[in-house]
Structure formats: structure tokens, C-alpha cells
Amino acid sequence: MASSRRPQVKNDDQYEALRDKGMSKEKAARIANTPDAGKKGGKAKSYEEWTKEELYDQAQNVGIEGRSKMSKDELIKALRKH
């Protein structure tokens, strides 16, 4: 059974704006939890510049299985596929 609880989010304002646009709770939370998601102009760091911990957290946010055993390069590849 699906939970009616709101997902944990890091950027409440962005989450609410995305929900107002009709996005699902899960998708809005995923976007609101992505580092630099609200910035425009390609300012986000490339995955190669992220730490392994940041990559792991992102993989967890998007639901990539087997992430705990992945190397940094494997996490990058999995995130790009997702």
C-alpha cells in the first residue's frame, strides 16, 4: 500500500512549486533533493566532480539498487543510465 506521507525533501519551496505544477510527490522530492537542481545555466558540477558520498546519496534518492557495492565510476555510470 502506498504511503500518504510526504517524502523527505531538502528544498521545501521547490518541492511545493513542483507539486503545484502537477508533479508526483516522488518526482518532486527527487528534483528538490538534487544538488543545484534549481540553478540555471549549467552551473551544476559534473558527476566527476562529486564526491563518492554525494554520488551515493543521489543514487539512493533515485532508487539505484546495488549502490553500496559500487565504485565512484560505477555510480556515475548508473546515474547517467537512470
C-alpha atoms as a PDB file:
ATOM      1  CA  MET A   1       0.000   0.000   0.000  1.00  0.00           C
ATOM      2  CA  ALA A   2       1.350   3.446  -0.899  1.00  0.00           C
ATOM      3  CA  SER A   3       2.153   5.799   1.941  1.00  0.00           C
ATOM      4  CA  SER A   4       0.277   9.080   2.157  1.00  0.00           C
ATOM      5  CA  ARG A   5       3.231  10.687   3.940  1.00  0.00           C
ATOM      6  CA  ARG A   6       5.086  13.418   2.145  1.00  0.00           C
ATOM      7  CA  PRO A   7       8.611  12.337   1.120  1.00  0.00           C
ATOM      8  CA  GLN A   8      11.504  13.936   2.990  1.00  0.00           C
ATOM      9  CA  VAL A   9      12.765  16.925   0.998  1.00  0.00           C
ATOM     10  CA  LYS A  10      15.680  19.327   1.338  1.00  0.00           C
ATOM     11  CA  ASN A  11      14.128  22.254  -0.556  1.00  0.00           C
ATOM     12  CA  ASP A  12      10.528  22.720   0.607  1.00  0.00           C
ATOM     13  CA  ASP A  13       9.793  25.739  -1.604  1.00  0.00           C
ATOM     14  CA  GLN A  14      10.950  23.974  -4.758  1.00  0.00           C
ATOM     15  CA  TYR A  15       9.051  20.812  -3.775  1.00  0.00           C
ATOM     16  CA  GLU A  16       5.793  22.741  -3.279  1.00  0.00           C
ATOM     17  CA  ALA A  17       6.242  24.613  -6.578  1.00  0.00           C
ATOM     18  CA  LEU A  18       6.751  21.334  -8.442  1.00  0.00           C
ATOM     19  CA  ARG A  19       3.713  19.763  -6.755  1.00  0.00           C
ATOM     20  CA  ASP A  20       1.655  22.834  -7.764  1.00  0.00           C
ATOM     21  CA  LYS A  21       2.719  22.158 -11.371  1.00  0.00           C
ATOM     22  CA  GLY A  22       1.237  18.663 -11.072  1.00  0.00           C
ATOM     23  CA  MET A  23       4.324  16.519 -10.467  1.00  0.00           C
ATOM     24  CA  SER A  24       4.023  13.394  -8.337  1.00  0.00           C
ATOM     25  CA  LYS A  25       5.294  13.509  -4.763  1.00  0.00           C
ATOM     26  CA  GLU A  26       8.156  11.187  -5.636  1.00  0.00           C
ATOM     27  CA  LYS A  27       9.336  13.123  -8.699  1.00  0.00           C
ATOM     28  CA  ALA A  28       9.034  16.497  -6.940  1.00  0.00           C
ATOM     29  CA  ALA A  29      11.032  15.166  -3.968  1.00  0.00           C
ATOM     30  CA  ARG A  30      13.714  13.708  -6.252  1.00  0.00           C
ATOM     31  CA  ILE A  31      14.182  17.041  -8.008  1.00  0.00           C
ATOM     32  CA  ALA A  32      14.027  19.088  -4.790  1.00  0.00           C
ATOM     33  CA  ASN A  33      16.720  16.841  -3.254  1.00  0.00           C
ATOM     34  CA  THR A  34      19.103  17.105  -6.212  1.00  0.00           C
ATOM     35  CA  PRO A  35      22.100  19.376  -5.555  1.00  0.00           C
ATOM     36  CA  ASP A  36      21.922  22.571  -7.663  1.00  0.00           C
ATOM     37  CA  ALA A  37      18.607  21.477  -9.237  1.00  0.00           C
ATOM     38  CA  GLY A  38      17.145  24.976  -9.144  1.00  0.00           C
ATOM     39  CA  LYS A  39      20.112  26.675 -10.782  1.00  0.00           C
ATOM     40  CA  LYS A  40      20.047  27.558 -14.462  1.00  0.00           C
ATOM     41  CA  GLY A  41      22.801  27.874 -16.997  1.00  0.00           C
ATOM     42  CA  GLY A  42      24.668  24.615 -16.482  1.00  0.00           C
ATOM     43  CA  LYS A  43      26.168  25.597 -13.149  1.00  0.00           C
ATOM     44  CA  ALA A  44      25.837  22.121 -11.628  1.00  0.00           C
ATOM     45  CA  LYS A  45      29.082  20.205 -11.228  1.00  0.00           C
ATOM     46  CA  SER A  46      29.666  17.226 -13.486  1.00  0.00           C
ATOM     47  CA  TYR A  47      29.392  13.855 -11.751  1.00  0.00           C
ATOM     48  CA  GLU A  48      33.175  13.500 -11.938  1.00  0.00           C
ATOM     49  CA  GLU A  49      33.489  16.488  -9.590  1.00  0.00           C
ATOM     50  CA  TRP A  50      31.102  14.983  -6.999  1.00  0.00           C
ATOM     51  CA  THR A  51      32.409  13.028  -4.045  1.00  0.00           C
ATOM     52  CA  LYS A  52      31.600   9.331  -3.829  1.00  0.00           C
ATOM     53  CA  GLU A  53      29.310  10.140  -0.886  1.00  0.00           C
ATOM     54  CA  GLU A  54      27.374  12.709  -2.964  1.00  0.00           C
ATOM     55  CA  LEU A  55      27.041  10.193  -5.794  1.00  0.00           C
ATOM     56  CA  TYR A  56      25.858   7.524  -3.366  1.00  0.00           C
ATOM     57  CA  ASP A  57      23.252   9.890  -1.879  1.00  0.00           C
ATOM     58  CA  GLN A  58      21.985  10.757  -5.360  1.00  0.00           C
ATOM     59  CA  ALA A  59      21.852   7.078  -6.308  1.00  0.00           C
ATOM     60  CA  GLN A  60      19.833   6.464  -3.151  1.00  0.00           C
ATOM     61  CA  ASN A  61      17.467   9.349  -3.995  1.00  0.00           C
ATOM     62  CA  VAL A  62      16.706   7.893  -7.421  1.00  0.00           C
ATOM     63  CA  GLY A  63      16.495   4.297  -6.202  1.00  0.00           C
ATOM     64  CA  ILE A  64      19.534   2.666  -7.809  1.00  0.00           C
ATOM     65  CA  GLU A  65      19.956  -0.823  -6.389  1.00  0.00           C
ATOM     66  CA  GLY A  66      23.371  -2.266  -5.510  1.00  0.00           C
ATOM     67  CA  ARG A  67      24.827   1.202  -4.930  1.00  0.00           C
ATOM     68  CA  SER A  68      26.609   0.254  -1.689  1.00  0.00           C
ATOM     69  CA  LYS A  69      28.979  -2.039  -3.582  1.00  0.00           C
ATOM     70  CA  MET A  70      29.645   0.373  -6.471  1.00  0.00           C
ATOM     71  CA  SER A  71      32.833   2.326  -7.080  1.00  0.00           C
ATOM     72  CA  LYS A  72      32.694   6.010  -7.886  1.00  0.00           C
ATOM     73  CA  ASP A  73      32.917   5.270 -11.624  1.00  0.00           C
ATOM     74  CA  GLU A  74      30.140   2.674 -11.374  1.00  0.00           C
ATOM     75  CA  LEU A  75      27.903   5.141  -9.504  1.00  0.00           C
ATOM     76  CA  ILE A  76      28.468   7.741 -12.227  1.00  0.00           C
ATOM     77  CA  LYS A  77      27.610   5.223 -14.950  1.00  0.00           C
ATOM     78  CA  ALA A  78      24.464   4.074 -13.105  1.00  0.00           C
ATOM     79  CA  LEU A  79      23.289   7.653 -12.526  1.00  0.00           C
ATOM     80  CA  ARG A  80      23.784   8.540 -16.185  1.00  0.00           C
ATOM     81  CA  LYS A  81      21.788   5.462 -17.244  1.00  0.00           C
ATOM     82  CA  HIS A  82      18.967   6.279 -14.859  1.00  0.00           C
END
